[in-house]
N, C-alpha and C. Protein backbone atom coordinates (compact mmCIF):
# COMPACT_ATOMS: atom_id res chain seq x y z
N MET A 1 50.61 24.58 61.73
CA MET A 1 50.33 23.19 61.52
C MET A 1 49.69 22.83 59.95
N SER A 2 50.72 22.00 59.24
CA SER A 2 50.23 21.51 58.19
C SER A 2 49.57 20.09 58.07
N THR A 3 48.78 20.03 57.08
CA THR A 3 48.12 18.36 56.78
C THR A 3 48.37 17.98 55.34
N GLU A 4 48.89 16.76 55.16
CA GLU A 4 48.72 16.08 54.01
C GLU A 4 48.27 14.78 53.93
N SER A 5 47.56 14.51 52.80
CA SER A 5 46.88 13.38 52.73
C SER A 5 47.06 12.53 51.04
N ARG A 6 47.49 11.57 50.88
CA ARG A 6 47.70 10.62 50.01
C ARG A 6 46.62 9.53 49.93
N LEU A 7 46.06 9.52 48.45
CA LEU A 7 45.02 8.67 48.20
C LEU A 7 45.26 7.49 47.29
N LEU A 8 46.37 8.18 46.14
CA LEU A 8 46.92 7.25 45.09
C LEU A 8 47.83 6.13 45.86
N GLY A 9 47.94 4.96 45.51
CA GLY A 9 48.78 3.63 46.48
C GLY A 9 48.49 3.90 47.60
N ALA A 10 48.87 3.65 48.73
CA ALA A 10 48.81 3.72 50.25
C ALA A 10 47.78 5.17 50.52
N VAL A 11 47.11 4.67 51.62
CA VAL A 11 46.28 5.87 51.92
C VAL A 11 47.21 6.26 53.02
N GLU A 12 47.58 7.47 53.63
CA GLU A 12 48.45 8.00 54.23
C GLU A 12 48.18 9.76 54.61
N ALA A 13 48.28 9.71 55.92
CA ALA A 13 48.19 11.08 56.14
C ALA A 13 49.23 11.68 57.10
N ARG A 14 49.54 12.89 56.95
CA ARG A 14 50.77 13.31 57.69
C ARG A 14 50.29 14.44 58.58
N ILE A 15 50.70 14.93 59.74
CA ILE A 15 50.52 16.27 60.66
C ILE A 15 52.02 16.67 60.76
N ASP A 16 52.24 18.04 60.10
CA ASP A 16 53.75 18.66 60.05
C ASP A 16 54.52 17.67 60.11
N GLY A 17 54.21 17.03 58.84
CA GLY A 17 55.35 15.99 58.01
C GLY A 17 55.25 14.55 58.80
N LEU A 18 54.84 14.29 59.97
CA LEU A 18 54.62 13.27 60.64
C LEU A 18 53.45 12.17 60.47
N PRO A 19 53.26 10.95 60.05
CA PRO A 19 52.56 10.02 59.75
C PRO A 19 51.92 10.04 60.75
N LEU A 20 50.27 9.65 60.72
CA LEU A 20 49.51 9.58 61.45
C LEU A 20 49.20 7.97 61.27
N LYS A 21 48.94 7.27 62.45
CA LYS A 21 48.33 5.87 62.30
C LYS A 21 46.46 6.12 62.28
N LEU A 22 46.65 5.23 60.98
CA LEU A 22 44.97 5.35 60.42
C LEU A 22 44.28 4.17 61.09
N GLY A 23 44.72 3.56 61.78
CA GLY A 23 43.88 2.02 61.94
C GLY A 23 43.62 1.24 60.91
N HIS A 24 42.64 0.45 61.31
CA HIS A 24 42.66 -0.75 60.07
C HIS A 24 42.34 -0.65 58.82
N ALA A 25 42.01 -1.43 57.80
CA ALA A 25 41.74 -1.11 56.64
C ALA A 25 40.52 -0.27 56.29
N ARG A 26 39.63 -0.71 57.18
CA ARG A 26 38.23 -0.02 56.87
C ARG A 26 38.26 1.43 57.32
N GLN A 27 39.10 1.70 58.69
CA GLN A 27 39.05 3.35 58.58
C GLN A 27 40.13 3.95 57.42
N HIS A 28 40.93 3.16 56.67
CA HIS A 28 41.51 3.75 55.60
C HIS A 28 40.67 4.03 54.40
N LEU A 29 39.64 3.08 54.53
CA LEU A 29 38.75 3.37 53.26
C LEU A 29 37.73 4.54 53.27
N VAL A 30 37.38 4.83 54.60
CA VAL A 30 36.52 6.12 55.22
C VAL A 30 37.26 7.26 54.93
N LEU A 31 38.46 7.19 55.33
CA LEU A 31 38.98 8.38 55.12
C LEU A 31 39.49 8.76 53.57
N ALA A 32 39.70 7.73 52.68
CA ALA A 32 39.90 7.68 51.33
C ALA A 32 38.49 8.56 50.61
N ALA A 33 37.41 7.82 51.12
CA ALA A 33 36.09 8.47 50.90
C ALA A 33 36.03 9.68 50.99
N LEU A 34 36.27 9.86 52.23
CA LEU A 34 35.71 11.65 52.78
C LEU A 34 36.59 12.35 51.85
N LEU A 35 37.94 12.02 51.83
CA LEU A 35 38.95 13.15 51.01
C LEU A 35 38.89 13.14 49.54
N ALA A 36 37.92 11.97 49.03
CA ALA A 36 37.80 12.21 47.63
C ALA A 36 36.63 13.20 47.41
N GLU A 37 35.97 13.45 48.36
CA GLU A 37 34.72 14.11 48.35
C GLU A 37 34.77 15.29 49.32
N ALA A 38 35.93 16.07 49.34
CA ALA A 38 36.28 17.19 50.42
C ALA A 38 35.70 18.06 49.50
N GLY A 39 34.96 19.02 50.42
CA GLY A 39 34.46 20.36 50.19
C GLY A 39 32.70 20.15 49.48
N SER A 40 32.62 18.77 49.47
CA SER A 40 31.10 18.34 49.00
C SER A 40 30.55 17.61 50.01
N LEU A 41 29.04 17.69 49.81
CA LEU A 41 28.01 16.82 50.85
C LEU A 41 28.49 15.32 50.50
N LEU A 42 28.75 14.53 51.59
CA LEU A 42 28.43 13.08 51.03
C LEU A 42 27.74 12.45 52.26
N LEU A 43 26.40 12.02 51.62
CA LEU A 43 25.65 11.40 52.34
C LEU A 43 26.33 9.81 53.11
N VAL A 44 25.39 9.66 54.33
CA VAL A 44 26.03 8.58 55.02
C VAL A 44 25.92 7.49 54.27
N ASP A 45 24.83 6.99 53.29
CA ASP A 45 24.34 5.81 52.52
C ASP A 45 25.36 6.02 51.58
N GLN A 46 25.94 7.16 51.01
CA GLN A 46 26.94 7.17 49.68
C GLN A 46 28.33 6.58 50.75
N LEU A 47 28.43 6.50 51.89
CA LEU A 47 29.72 6.56 52.10
C LEU A 47 29.93 5.14 52.50
N VAL A 48 28.89 4.69 53.11
CA VAL A 48 28.28 3.34 53.33
C VAL A 48 28.99 2.33 51.98
N HIS A 49 28.02 2.80 51.07
CA HIS A 49 28.15 2.18 49.64
C HIS A 49 29.93 2.24 49.07
N ARG A 50 30.45 3.29 49.21
CA ARG A 50 31.74 3.36 49.06
C ARG A 50 32.88 2.46 49.90
N VAL A 51 32.74 2.53 51.05
CA VAL A 51 33.47 1.31 51.92
C VAL A 51 33.07 -0.06 51.59
């Protein structure tokens, strides 16, 4: 299984080449914030501020 995420332009996520339904705009923002900090600690307060 392979995953792919795109943050520039529209926020997108795919698994094995198939697009995932990401939900509403706020969920897109949460995903983008988490992906931007992948591999790092992101505190809840920081996440809330970014969203």
